[in-house]
C-alpha atoms as a PDB file:
ATOM      1  CA  MET A   1      12.707   4.558  14.635  1.00  0.00           C
ATOM      2  CA  PRO A   2      12.620   2.874  10.788  1.00  0.00           C
ATOM      3  CA  ALA A   3       9.994   1.398  10.830  1.00  0.00           C
ATOM      4  CA  LEU A   4       7.886   3.893  12.602  1.00  0.00           C
ATOM      5  CA  LEU A   5       8.684   6.537  10.371  1.00  0.00           C
ATOM      6  CA  ALA A   6       7.270   3.601   7.586  1.00  0.00           C
ATOM      7  CA  GLU A   7       4.311   3.074   9.157  1.00  0.00           C
ATOM      8  CA  PHE A   8       3.990   6.852   9.324  1.00  0.00           C
ATOM      9  CA  GLY A   9       4.831   7.052   5.011  1.00  0.00           C
ATOM     10  CA  GLU A  10       1.827   4.246   4.881  1.00  0.00           C
ATOM     11  CA  ASN A  11      -0.397   6.238   7.236  1.00  0.00           C
ATOM     12  CA  ARG A  12      -0.206   8.585   4.793  1.00  0.00           C
ATOM     13  CA  LYS A  13      -0.518   7.059   1.592  1.00  0.00           C
ATOM     14  CA  ILE A  14      -3.677   5.209   2.941  1.00  0.00           C
ATOM     15  CA  VAL A  15      -5.088   9.392   3.789  1.00  0.00           C
ATOM     16  CA  PHE A  16      -4.449  10.282   0.302  1.00  0.00           C
ATOM     17  CA  ASP A  17      -5.711   8.097  -1.557  1.00  0.00           C
ATOM     18  CA  GLU A  18      -9.140   8.515   0.318  1.00  0.00           C
ATOM     19  CA  TRP A  19      -8.551  12.262  -0.366  1.00  0.00           C
ATOM     20  CA  GLN A  20      -8.094  10.978  -4.274  1.00  0.00           C
ATOM     21  CA  LYS A  21     -10.838   9.416  -3.885  1.00  0.00           C
ATOM     22  CA  GLY A  22     -13.293  12.349  -3.030  1.00  0.00           C
ATOM     23  CA  ASN A  23     -14.051  10.919   0.510  1.00  0.00           C
ATOM     24  CA  ARG A  24     -12.108  14.375   2.259  1.00  0.00           C
ATOM     25  CA  THR A  25     -14.023  13.387   5.763  1.00  0.00           C
ATOM     26  CA  LYS A  26     -12.973   9.340   6.181  1.00  0.00           C
ATOM     27  CA  ALA A  27      -9.171  10.916   4.969  1.00  0.00           C
ATOM     28  CA  VAL A  28      -9.515  13.600   7.730  1.00  0.00           C
ATOM     29  CA  GLU A  29     -10.410  11.105   9.870  1.00  0.00           C
ATOM     30  CA  GLU A  30      -7.612   8.338   9.142  1.00  0.00           C
ATOM     31  CA  GLN A  31      -5.446  10.995   9.319  1.00  0.00           C
ATOM     32  CA  LEU A  32      -6.776  11.878  13.074  1.00  0.00           C
ATOM     33  CA  LEU A  33      -7.237   8.273  13.647  1.00  0.00           C
ATOM     34  CA  TYR A  34      -3.199   7.915  13.589  1.00  0.00           C
ATOM     35  CA  VAL A  35      -2.093  11.226  14.678  1.00  0.00           C
ATOM     36  CA  PHE A  36      -4.686  10.632  17.836  1.00  0.00           C
ATOM     37  CA  GLY A  37      -5.474   7.516  18.205  1.00  0.00           C
ATOM     38  CA  HIS A  38      -8.758   6.336  19.028  1.00  0.00           C
ATOM     39  CA  GLU A  39      -9.508   7.493  22.213  1.00  0.00           C
ATOM     40  CA  ALA A  40      -9.177  11.046  21.671  1.00  0.00           C
ATOM     41  CA  LEU A  41     -10.285  11.528  18.302  1.00  0.00           C
ATOM     42  CA  ASP A  42     -13.538  10.591  21.257  1.00  0.00           C
ATOM     43  CA  ARG A  43     -12.697  13.270  23.182  1.00  0.00           C
ATOM     44  CA  ILE A  44     -12.512  16.057  20.299  1.00  0.00           C
ATOM     45  CA  ARG A  45     -15.157  14.138  18.859  1.00  0.00           C
ATOM     46  CA  GLY A  46     -18.164  17.464  17.743  1.00  0.00           C
ATOM     47  CA  GLU A  47     -16.795  20.543  16.997  1.00  0.00           C
ATOM     48  CA  HIS A  48     -13.158  20.434  16.906  1.00  0.00           C
ATOM     49  CA  LEU A  49     -14.164  17.522  14.437  1.00  0.00           C
ATOM     50  CA  ALA A  50     -16.481  19.495  12.557  1.00  0.00           C
ATOM     51  CA  PHE A  51     -14.144  22.266  11.636  1.00  0.00           C
ATOM     52  CA  ILE A  52     -11.216  20.195  11.344  1.00  0.00           C
ATOM     53  CA  ASN A  53     -13.365  18.456   8.520  1.00  0.00           C
ATOM     54  CA  ASP A  54     -14.381  22.078   7.116  1.00  0.00           C
ATOM     55  CA  ASN A  55     -11.164  23.438   6.289  1.00  0.00           C
ATOM     56  CA  ALA A  56     -10.341  20.153   5.176  1.00  0.00           C
ATOM     57  CA  ASP A  57      -9.694  21.548   1.965  1.00  0.00           C
ATOM     58  CA  VAL A  58      -7.335  24.279   3.594  1.00  0.00           C
ATOM     59  CA  ILE A  59      -5.494  20.565   4.925  1.00  0.00           C
ATOM     60  CA  GLY A  60      -5.418  18.863   1.831  1.00  0.00           C
ATOM     61  CA  ALA A  61      -2.080  19.417   1.193  1.00  0.00           C
ATOM     62  CA  ALA A  62      -1.031  18.578   3.789  1.00  0.00           C
ATOM     63  CA  LEU A  63      -1.822  14.962   3.352  1.00  0.00           C
ATOM     64  CA  ARG A  64      -0.235  14.659   0.196  1.00  0.00           C
ATOM     65  CA  PRO A  65       2.163  11.455   0.193  1.00  0.00           C
ATOM     66  CA  ARG A  66       6.011  12.866   0.806  1.00  0.00           C
ATOM     67  CA  PRO A  67       8.382  11.786   2.216  1.00  0.00           C
ATOM     68  CA  PRO A  68       8.519  11.700   5.825  1.00  0.00           C
ATOM     69  CA  PRO A  69      10.600  15.294   7.206  1.00  0.00           C
ATOM     70  CA  PRO A  70      14.242  14.707   7.902  1.00  0.00           C
ATOM     71  CA  LEU A  71      15.726  14.305  11.323  1.00  0.00           C
ATOM     72  CA  PHE A  72      16.697  17.105  13.898  1.00  0.00           C
ATOM     73  CA  ALA A  73      19.736  18.572  13.149  1.00  0.00           C
ATOM     74  CA  PRO A  74      21.294  18.262  16.833  1.00  0.00           C
ATOM     75  CA  ALA A  75      24.132  20.636  16.085  1.00  0.00           C
ATOM     76  CA  ILE A  76      21.460  22.771  14.746  1.00  0.00           C
ATOM     77  CA  ALA A  77      19.354  22.449  17.811  1.00  0.00           C
ATOM     78  CA  ARG A  78      22.155  23.157  19.967  1.00  0.00           C
ATOM     79  CA  ARG A  79      22.807  26.754  18.629  1.00  0.00           C
ATOM     80  CA  LEU A  80      19.276  27.713  20.271  1.00  0.00           C
ATOM     81  CA  THR A  81      20.531  29.885  22.896  1.00  0.00           C
ATOM     82  CA  MET A  82      16.576  30.821  23.993  1.00  0.00           C
ATOM     83  CA  PRO A  83      14.263  28.562  26.334  1.00  0.00           C
ATOM     84  CA  VAL A  84      12.452  26.349  24.747  1.00  0.00           C
ATOM     85  CA  LEU A  85       9.412  25.014  26.338  1.00  0.00           C
ATOM     86  CA  LEU A  86       8.388  21.017  24.962  1.00  0.00           C
ATOM     87  CA  ILE A  87       4.566  19.898  25.483  1.00  0.00           C
ATOM     88  CA  GLU A  88       4.025  16.446  24.838  1.00  0.00           C
ATOM     89  CA  GLY A  89       0.702  14.259  25.683  1.00  0.00           C
ATOM     90  CA  ALA A  90       1.004  11.471  27.980  1.00  0.00           C
ATOM     91  CA  SER A  91      -1.000   9.215  24.988  1.00  0.00           C
ATOM     92  CA  THR A  92       0.735  10.353  22.096  1.00  0.00           C
ATOM     93  CA  ARG A  93       2.287   7.651  19.084  1.00  0.00           C
ATOM     94  CA  PRO A  94       6.242   6.891  19.666  1.00  0.00           C
ATOM     95  CA  ILE A  95       7.102   8.310  16.610  1.00  0.00           C
ATOM     96  CA  PHE A  96       6.149  11.494  18.450  1.00  0.00           C
ATOM     97  CA  ARG A  97       6.695  10.678  21.769  1.00  0.00           C
ATOM     98  CA  ILE A  98      10.816   9.660  20.433  1.00  0.00           C
ATOM     99  CA  THR A  99      10.663  12.719  18.429  1.00  0.00           C
ATOM    100  CA  CYS A 100      10.460  15.117  21.301  1.00  0.00           C
ATOM    101  CA  GLN A 101      12.803  13.216  23.417  1.00  0.00           C
ATOM    102  CA  LYS A 102      15.445  13.066  20.616  1.00  0.00           C
ATOM    103  CA  LEU A 103      15.187  17.591  19.871  1.00  0.00           C
ATOM    104  CA  ALA A 104      14.895  17.561  23.880  1.00  0.00           C
ATOM    105  CA  SER A 105      18.112  15.692  24.589  1.00  0.00           C
ATOM    106  CA  TYR A 106      19.713  18.641  21.395  1.00  0.00           C
ATOM    107  CA  LEU A 107      18.880  21.616  23.386  1.00  0.00           C
ATOM    108  CA  PRO A 108      20.290  22.920  25.850  1.00  0.00           C
ATOM    109  CA  ASP A 109      17.806  24.776  27.598  1.00  0.00           C
ATOM    110  CA  VAL A 110      14.269  22.471  28.034  1.00  0.00           C
ATOM    111  CA  GLN A 111      11.257  22.194  30.084  1.00  0.00           C
ATOM    112  CA  GLN A 112       9.928  19.810  29.375  1.00  0.00           C
ATOM    113  CA  VAL A 113       6.058  19.094  30.610  1.00  0.00           C
ATOM    114  CA  ILE A 114       3.600  15.939  29.738  1.00  0.00           C
ATOM    115  CA  LEU A 115      -0.180  16.487  29.924  1.00  0.00           C
ATOM    116  CA  PRO A 116      -1.832  12.982  31.550  1.00  0.00           C
ATOM    117  CA  ASP A 117      -4.955  11.709  29.488  1.00  0.00           C
ATOM    118  CA  THR A 118      -3.952  13.800  26.599  1.00  0.00           C
ATOM    119  CA  SER A 119      -2.615  12.373  22.761  1.00  0.00           C
ATOM    120  CA  HIS A 120      -1.188  14.305  19.894  1.00  0.00           C
ATOM    121  CA  ALA A 121      -4.491  17.382  19.927  1.00  0.00           C
ATOM    122  CA  LEU A 122      -2.398  18.660  23.228  1.00  0.00           C
ATOM    123  CA  CYS A 123      -4.446  22.293  22.604  1.00  0.00           C
ATOM    124  CA  LEU A 124      -7.855  19.944  21.966  1.00  0.00           C
ATOM    125  CA  GLU A 125      -7.743  17.770  24.330  1.00  0.00           C
ATOM    126  CA  SER A 126      -6.362  19.537  27.395  1.00  0.00           C
ATOM    127  CA  PRO A 127      -7.319  23.190  26.623  1.00  0.00           C
ATOM    128  CA  GLY A 128      -6.613  24.046  30.141  1.00  0.00           C
ATOM    129  CA  PRO A 129      -3.513  22.378  31.313  1.00  0.00           C
ATOM    130  CA  PHE A 130      -1.834  23.283  28.496  1.00  0.00           C
ATOM    131  CA  SER A 131      -2.341  26.351  28.571  1.00  0.00           C
ATOM    132  CA  GLU A 132      -1.627  27.375  31.843  1.00  0.00           C
ATOM    133  CA  ALA A 133       1.995  25.076  31.473  1.00  0.00           C
ATOM    134  CA  ALA A 134       2.896  27.571  28.674  1.00  0.00           C
ATOM    135  CA  LEU A 135       1.667  30.933  30.960  1.00  0.00           C
ATOM    136  CA  GLN A 136       3.535  29.649  33.478  1.00  0.00           C
ATOM    137  CA  PHE A 137       6.829  29.324  30.831  1.00  0.00           C
ATOM    138  CA  LEU A 138       6.283  32.558  29.343  1.00  0.00           C
ATOM    139  CA  ASN A 139       5.927  34.222  33.529  1.00  0.00           C
ATOM    140  CA  SER A 140       8.808  32.808  33.997  1.00  0.00           C
ATOM    141  CA  HIS A 141      11.182  33.318  31.464  1.00  0.00           C
END
């Protein structure tokens, strides 16, 4: 996990450097490439990518370098008594997959759904299956 966190931090630096140079579109694309990967970015090109770039100033604050977030506090997660739905993409980056697995192991009432052919951009890449999983979960609780 430390190597994955270091990789995550290095990407944040690359993205922020591009942002500081005024290359906002390049910064956004670098961030999306890291989070989603090439295949997913190709799938969300067009209107989704245009929307993201149109709102680059809003998401700019999220691009600044900062330390990685703390890992989940297991004791806090274990106290959650409500049902929790974790939806993840089968093609998501390892750092996100490991995070989801750890969180699931702490939650007392968790349902996990893994969407095939989907990265971290769940609702952009697979809006139908994402919505179906969420509605099915909500209707069953």
